[in-house]
């Protein structure tokens, strides 16, 4: 078994071309939660370097969505 969730994600994605299969493999292989597996997916694909970076990007959008819901 691959010793690193990011490496496993890349291997499965390369073999299957299916991100959901790669996420499933990480979760099963390493016992990750959905949030943890998604963070690995984002890091492995280079979309963000860390979960903290992703949260920082989403924070303003989440606040904006909350504001919009409360404006009604």
C-alpha atoms as a PDB file:
ATOM      1  CA  UNK A   1       0.000   0.000   0.000  1.00  0.00           C
ATOM      2  CA  UNK A   2       1.101   3.548  -0.701  1.00  0.00           C
ATOM      3  CA  UNK A   3       2.338   5.268   2.461  1.00  0.00           C
ATOM      4  CA  UNK A   4       1.101   8.748   1.540  1.00  0.00           C
ATOM      5  CA  UNK A   5      -2.520   9.818   0.844  1.00  0.00           C
ATOM      6  CA  UNK A   6      -1.448  12.374  -1.784  1.00  0.00           C
ATOM      7  CA  UNK A   7       0.589   9.791  -3.654  1.00  0.00           C
ATOM      8  CA  UNK A   8      -2.292   7.293  -3.504  1.00  0.00           C
ATOM      9  CA  UNK A   9      -4.684   9.946  -4.812  1.00  0.00           C
ATOM     10  CA  UNK A  10      -2.389  10.699  -7.762  1.00  0.00           C
ATOM     11  CA  UNK A  11      -1.880   6.995  -8.539  1.00  0.00           C
ATOM     12  CA  UNK A  12      -5.590   6.152  -8.508  1.00  0.00           C
ATOM     13  CA  UNK A  13      -6.487   9.298 -10.435  1.00  0.00           C
ATOM     14  CA  UNK A  14      -3.850   8.447 -13.033  1.00  0.00           C
ATOM     15  CA  UNK A  15      -5.146   4.889 -13.371  1.00  0.00           C
ATOM     16  CA  UNK A  16      -8.881   5.636 -13.383  1.00  0.00           C
ATOM     17  CA  UNK A  17      -9.148   9.326 -14.407  1.00  0.00           C
ATOM     18  CA  UNK A  18     -11.937   9.501 -11.817  1.00  0.00           C
ATOM     19  CA  UNK A  19     -11.413  11.888  -8.881  1.00  0.00           C
ATOM     20  CA  UNK A  20     -14.196  10.279  -6.849  1.00  0.00           C
ATOM     21  CA  UNK A  21     -12.494   6.886  -7.099  1.00  0.00           C
ATOM     22  CA  UNK A  22      -9.259   8.465  -5.897  1.00  0.00           C
ATOM     23  CA  UNK A  23     -11.039  10.124  -2.960  1.00  0.00           C
ATOM     24  CA  UNK A  24     -12.715   6.828  -2.085  1.00  0.00           C
ATOM     25  CA  UNK A  25      -9.341   5.047  -2.161  1.00  0.00           C
ATOM     26  CA  UNK A  26      -7.813   7.627   0.207  1.00  0.00           C
ATOM     27  CA  UNK A  27     -10.714   7.346   2.607  1.00  0.00           C
ATOM     28  CA  UNK A  28     -10.591   3.554   2.645  1.00  0.00           C
ATOM     29  CA  UNK A  29      -6.813   3.291   2.695  1.00  0.00           C
ATOM     30  CA  UNK A  30      -6.117   5.913   5.337  1.00  0.00           C
ATOM     31  CA  UNK A  31      -9.404   6.226   7.244  1.00  0.00           C
ATOM     32  CA  UNK A  32      -9.854   9.866   6.232  1.00  0.00           C
ATOM     33  CA  UNK A  33     -13.041  11.847   6.687  1.00  0.00           C
ATOM     34  CA  UNK A  34     -14.669  13.399   3.630  1.00  0.00           C
ATOM     35  CA  UNK A  35     -13.207  16.794   4.578  1.00  0.00           C
ATOM     36  CA  UNK A  36      -9.720  15.351   5.006  1.00  0.00           C
ATOM     37  CA  UNK A  37      -9.942  13.467   1.709  1.00  0.00           C
ATOM     38  CA  UNK A  38     -11.099  16.593  -0.121  1.00  0.00           C
ATOM     39  CA  UNK A  39      -8.212  18.559   1.381  1.00  0.00           C
ATOM     40  CA  UNK A  40      -5.789  15.924   0.089  1.00  0.00           C
ATOM     41  CA  UNK A  41      -7.479  16.100  -3.325  1.00  0.00           C
ATOM     42  CA  UNK A  42      -7.037  19.868  -3.474  1.00  0.00           C
ATOM     43  CA  UNK A  43      -3.419  19.634  -2.359  1.00  0.00           C
ATOM     44  CA  UNK A  44      -2.574  16.715  -4.675  1.00  0.00           C
ATOM     45  CA  UNK A  45      -4.010  18.482  -7.712  1.00  0.00           C
ATOM     46  CA  UNK A  46      -2.190  21.722  -6.887  1.00  0.00           C
ATOM     47  CA  UNK A  47      -5.353  23.750  -6.396  1.00  0.00           C
ATOM     48  CA  UNK A  48      -4.169  24.777  -2.944  1.00  0.00           C
ATOM     49  CA  UNK A  49      -1.022  24.007  -0.989  1.00  0.00           C
ATOM     50  CA  UNK A  50      -2.720  23.528   2.384  1.00  0.00           C
ATOM     51  CA  UNK A  51      -6.157  23.177   3.909  1.00  0.00           C
ATOM     52  CA  UNK A  52      -5.587  26.514   5.657  1.00  0.00           C
ATOM     53  CA  UNK A  53      -5.103  28.165   2.276  1.00  0.00           C
ATOM     54  CA  UNK A  54      -8.371  26.660   1.027  1.00  0.00           C
ATOM     55  CA  UNK A  55     -10.246  27.810   4.105  1.00  0.00           C
ATOM     56  CA  UNK A  56      -8.827  31.307   3.687  1.00  0.00           C
ATOM     57  CA  UNK A  57     -10.099  31.396   0.094  1.00  0.00           C
ATOM     58  CA  UNK A  58     -13.556  30.137   1.059  1.00  0.00           C
ATOM     59  CA  UNK A  59     -14.007  32.348   4.127  1.00  0.00           C
ATOM     60  CA  UNK A  60     -15.018  35.532   2.285  1.00  0.00           C
ATOM     61  CA  UNK A  61     -17.374  33.583   0.032  1.00  0.00           C
ATOM     62  CA  UNK A  62     -19.052  31.925   2.989  1.00  0.00           C
ATOM     63  CA  UNK A  63     -19.488  35.254   4.755  1.00  0.00           C
ATOM     64  CA  UNK A  64     -20.943  36.775   1.593  1.00  0.00           C
ATOM     65  CA  UNK A  65     -23.417  33.869   1.279  1.00  0.00           C
ATOM     66  CA  UNK A  66     -24.426  34.280   4.909  1.00  0.00           C
ATOM     67  CA  UNK A  67     -24.952  38.018   4.397  1.00  0.00           C
ATOM     68  CA  UNK A  68     -27.061  37.418   1.292  1.00  0.00           C
ATOM     69  CA  UNK A  69     -29.300  34.929   3.121  1.00  0.00           C
ATOM     70  CA  UNK A  70     -29.809  37.326   6.020  1.00  0.00           C
ATOM     71  CA  UNK A  71     -30.679  40.241   3.721  1.00  0.00           C
ATOM     72  CA  UNK A  72     -34.030  38.718   2.712  1.00  0.00           C
END
